[in-house]
Amino acid sequence: MKGHAFSHLRVILRHRHGVIRNAMGMGIFFHSLRHDLSKFSPKEFLPSARYYVGNHSPVYEERLRNDYFSYACQHHTKRNPHHWEYWTDFFRGRVLARRMPWKYAMEYVADMLSASRTYDPEHFLPETTLLYFEARAPHYFIHPETKEFISWCLARYRDLGLKGLRKKDTRMKYESLKHLDDTYIYETPLTRGDMPRLLKEE
């Protein structure tokens, strides 16, 4: 556990510093200083150190070994508004997705970019995070306009780097996408069945 704890701590710090560097170029530097502080709490740090592997998130590894369920993820996403799961609710068989405020959506972008670089620095390219998000976004219960905004931000990063994510430009784009209600209602059938098998390489 000691070796895993130290290695996990290094990853957390490297990732957090990457988020803060990204945030400086996005106009949310002071906001980003609180990023992921809950990862240092025992409820997140201890299981994450236990499931540490180094090349992908310990949350994913916990899901691999725990019938898809992650206690660390439950604790983390409901305490950190930069995760889309924070903005979801459940009511009468429906999933409700609230529009993410601009600053948290930008922190989410900064978070994903840093995570992509932290876990696989040798293969990180400007399009890496966009491809990752687009492959998984159809399964995310994110407000559709928030989802569109995040995709736009990641495409801007692919094409222009951090200079494409300046505050003035992203705020303007964010406001231009506001057409739907702030809460989007997903109608989801109550189904049972096997989940797709989780793979190590995902």
Protein backbone atom coordinates (compact mmCIF):
# COMPACT_ATOMS: atom_id res chain seq x y z
CA MET A 1 0.00 0.00 0.00
CA LYS A 2 2.83 2.44 0.79
CA GLY A 3 4.27 2.25 -2.71
CA HIS A 4 0.84 2.56 -4.25
CA ALA A 5 -0.09 5.46 -2.00
CA PHE A 6 3.05 7.40 -2.93
CA SER A 7 2.61 6.66 -6.65
CA HIS A 8 -1.04 7.64 -6.53
CA LEU A 9 -0.19 10.88 -4.72
CA ARG A 10 2.32 11.78 -7.44
CA VAL A 11 -0.33 11.19 -10.13
CA ILE A 12 -2.89 13.31 -8.28
CA LEU A 13 -0.43 16.19 -7.93
CA ARG A 14 0.78 15.96 -11.53
CA HIS A 15 -2.81 15.92 -12.78
CA ARG A 16 -3.90 18.79 -10.51
CA HIS A 17 -0.96 20.95 -11.60
CA GLY A 18 -1.88 20.22 -15.22
CA VAL A 19 -5.44 21.35 -14.61
CA ILE A 20 -4.25 24.59 -13.01
CA ARG A 21 -1.90 25.28 -15.94
CA ASN A 22 -4.75 24.73 -18.39
CA ALA A 23 -7.06 26.89 -16.30
CA MET A 24 -4.64 29.82 -16.44
CA GLY A 25 -5.16 30.01 -20.19
CA MET A 26 -8.92 29.66 -19.84
CA GLY A 27 -9.48 32.50 -17.39
CA ILE A 28 -10.41 30.34 -14.39
CA PHE A 29 -7.08 30.21 -12.54
CA PHE A 30 -8.34 31.10 -9.04
CA HIS A 31 -11.38 28.89 -9.47
CA SER A 32 -9.15 25.94 -10.38
CA LEU A 33 -7.13 26.12 -7.16
CA ARG A 34 -9.87 24.06 -5.47
CA HIS A 35 -9.73 21.35 -8.13
CA ASP A 36 -9.98 17.75 -6.89
CA LEU A 37 -9.24 18.51 -3.25
CA SER A 38 -11.61 15.71 -2.25
CA LYS A 39 -9.11 13.22 -3.73
CA PHE A 40 -6.99 13.77 -0.64
CA SER A 41 -9.80 12.65 1.67
CA PRO A 42 -9.59 9.10 3.11
CA LYS A 43 -12.79 8.02 1.33
CA GLU A 44 -11.19 8.70 -2.05
CA PHE A 45 -7.47 8.45 -1.47
CA LEU A 46 -7.41 5.04 0.21
CA PRO A 47 -9.47 3.09 -2.36
CA SER A 48 -7.76 4.91 -5.22
CA ALA A 49 -4.33 3.99 -3.83
CA ARG A 50 -5.53 0.42 -3.48
CA TYR A 51 -6.62 0.26 -7.14
CA TYR A 52 -3.73 2.31 -8.51
CA VAL A 53 -2.27 1.03 -11.79
CA GLY A 54 -0.66 4.15 -13.25
CA ASN A 55 -1.84 4.14 -16.87
CA HIS A 56 -5.56 4.73 -16.25
CA SER A 57 -7.85 5.95 -13.52
CA PRO A 58 -8.09 3.87 -10.33
CA VAL A 59 -11.86 4.46 -10.52
CA TYR A 60 -11.95 2.39 -13.71
CA GLU A 61 -9.84 -0.29 -12.03
CA GLU A 62 -12.23 -0.32 -9.07
CA ARG A 63 -15.12 -0.89 -11.48
CA LEU A 64 -13.24 -3.78 -13.08
CA ARG A 65 -12.92 -5.51 -9.72
CA ASN A 66 -16.18 -4.50 -8.06
CA ASP A 67 -19.07 -5.37 -10.41
CA TYR A 68 -18.94 -1.95 -12.14
CA PHE A 69 -19.52 0.02 -8.92
CA SER A 70 -17.05 2.61 -7.67
CA TYR A 71 -17.31 4.01 -4.16
CA ALA A 72 -14.55 6.51 -4.90
CA CYS A 73 -16.44 7.80 -7.94
CA GLN A 74 -19.67 8.17 -5.95
CA HIS A 75 -17.85 10.25 -3.35
CA HIS A 76 -15.93 12.32 -5.89
CA THR A 77 -18.51 13.25 -8.50
CA LYS A 78 -21.11 14.42 -6.00
CA ARG A 79 -18.61 16.73 -4.30
CA ASN A 80 -17.01 18.25 -7.39
CA PRO A 81 -19.28 20.35 -9.66
CA HIS A 82 -16.86 20.09 -12.60
CA HIS A 83 -18.15 16.54 -13.18
CA TRP A 84 -21.33 16.17 -15.21
CA GLU A 85 -22.60 13.53 -12.75
CA TYR A 86 -22.88 16.30 -10.13
CA TRP A 87 -25.54 17.95 -12.30
CA THR A 88 -27.74 14.86 -12.69
CA ASP A 89 -30.75 13.89 -10.64
CA PHE A 90 -33.24 11.02 -10.73
CA PHE A 91 -37.02 11.46 -10.52
CA ARG A 92 -39.84 9.04 -11.38
CA GLY A 93 -37.85 6.89 -13.75
CA ARG A 94 -36.21 9.84 -15.48
CA VAL A 95 -32.66 11.16 -15.51
CA LEU A 96 -32.55 14.95 -15.16
CA ALA A 97 -29.49 16.72 -16.54
CA ARG A 98 -28.91 20.30 -15.44
CA ARG A 99 -26.94 22.70 -17.62
CA MET A 100 -23.40 23.00 -16.23
CA PRO A 101 -22.42 26.60 -15.43
CA TRP A 102 -19.66 27.95 -17.67
CA LYS A 103 -16.88 27.89 -15.08
CA TYR A 104 -17.50 24.24 -14.20
CA ALA A 105 -17.77 23.22 -17.83
CA MET A 106 -14.41 24.90 -18.45
CA GLU A 107 -12.92 23.17 -15.42
CA TYR A 108 -14.19 19.86 -16.86
CA VAL A 109 -12.40 20.62 -20.13
CA ALA A 110 -9.20 21.50 -18.25
CA ASP A 111 -9.60 18.31 -16.23
CA MET A 112 -10.00 16.04 -19.25
CA LEU A 113 -7.06 17.59 -21.09
CA SER A 114 -4.82 17.13 -18.06
CA ALA A 115 -6.01 13.55 -17.47
CA SER A 116 -5.28 12.59 -21.07
CA ARG A 117 -1.74 13.91 -20.78
CA THR A 118 -1.15 12.55 -17.27
CA TYR A 119 -2.13 8.95 -17.95
CA ASP A 120 -0.56 8.61 -21.41
CA PRO A 121 1.92 11.44 -22.00
CA GLU A 122 3.81 9.63 -24.76
CA HIS A 123 0.75 9.36 -26.99
CA PHE A 124 -0.96 12.65 -26.13
CA LEU A 125 -1.93 14.64 -29.22
CA PRO A 126 -4.10 17.76 -29.62
CA GLU A 127 -7.04 15.58 -30.74
CA THR A 128 -6.66 12.89 -28.05
CA THR A 129 -9.17 14.28 -25.56
CA LEU A 130 -11.76 15.16 -28.21
CA LEU A 131 -11.68 11.60 -29.57
CA TYR A 132 -11.98 10.21 -26.04
CA PHE A 133 -14.97 12.42 -25.23
CA GLU A 134 -16.79 11.81 -28.53
CA ALA A 135 -16.46 8.04 -28.10
CA ARG A 136 -18.08 8.15 -24.65
CA ALA A 137 -20.41 11.17 -24.73
CA PRO A 138 -23.37 9.23 -26.24
CA HIS A 139 -23.51 7.30 -22.96
CA TYR A 140 -23.25 10.38 -20.73
CA PHE A 141 -26.34 12.03 -19.26
CA ILE A 142 -25.12 15.57 -19.91
CA HIS A 143 -27.35 18.48 -20.84
CA PRO A 144 -27.21 18.46 -24.68
CA GLU A 145 -26.03 22.06 -24.89
CA THR A 146 -23.32 21.43 -22.31
CA LYS A 147 -22.25 18.40 -24.32
CA GLU A 148 -22.10 20.49 -27.49
CA PHE A 149 -20.11 23.19 -25.70
CA ILE A 150 -17.56 20.71 -24.36
CA SER A 151 -17.11 19.16 -27.82
CA TRP A 152 -16.63 22.63 -29.28
CA CYS A 153 -14.00 23.47 -26.65
CA LEU A 154 -12.06 20.26 -27.28
CA ALA A 155 -12.20 20.84 -31.04
CA ARG A 156 -10.87 24.37 -30.50
CA TYR A 157 -8.03 22.93 -28.44
CA ARG A 158 -7.27 20.44 -31.20
CA ASP A 159 -7.08 23.24 -33.76
CA LEU A 160 -5.69 26.17 -31.76
CA GLY A 161 -4.37 24.87 -28.45
CA LEU A 162 -5.11 26.80 -25.26
CA LYS A 163 -5.28 30.09 -27.17
CA GLY A 164 -8.53 28.79 -28.65
CA LEU A 165 -10.04 28.56 -25.16
CA ARG A 166 -9.71 32.15 -24.04
CA LYS A 167 -12.41 33.35 -21.68
CA LYS A 168 -13.99 35.87 -24.04
CA ASP A 169 -14.43 33.30 -26.82
CA THR A 170 -15.71 30.47 -24.65
CA ARG A 171 -18.17 32.68 -22.76
CA MET A 172 -19.58 33.95 -26.04
CA LYS A 173 -19.98 30.41 -27.39
CA TYR A 174 -21.51 29.18 -24.13
CA GLU A 175 -24.16 31.91 -24.17
CA SER A 176 -24.94 31.34 -27.86
CA LEU A 177 -25.93 27.72 -27.15
CA LYS A 178 -28.66 28.55 -24.63
CA HIS A 179 -31.92 27.53 -26.31
CA LEU A 180 -33.26 24.64 -24.22
CA ASP A 181 -34.51 24.69 -20.64
CA ASP A 182 -31.81 24.59 -17.98
CA THR A 183 -32.91 21.06 -17.04
CA TYR A 184 -33.03 18.44 -19.79
CA ILE A 185 -35.14 15.34 -19.14
CA TYR A 186 -33.87 12.02 -20.44
CA GLU A 187 -36.60 9.41 -20.73
CA THR A 188 -34.90 6.13 -19.90
CA PRO A 189 -36.50 2.68 -19.99
CA LEU A 190 -36.17 0.54 -16.91
CA THR A 191 -34.18 -2.35 -18.35
CA ARG A 192 -32.32 -5.28 -16.91
CA GLY A 193 -29.47 -7.24 -18.39
CA ASP A 194 -25.74 -7.63 -18.52
CA MET A 195 -23.44 -4.64 -18.78
CA PRO A 196 -20.81 -4.65 -21.55
CA ARG A 197 -17.64 -6.21 -20.20
CA LEU A 198 -15.10 -3.65 -19.06
CA LEU A 199 -11.74 -3.95 -20.77
CA LYS A 200 -8.28 -3.19 -19.43
CA GLU A 201 -7.28 -1.19 -22.48
CA GLU A 202 -10.24 1.23 -22.39
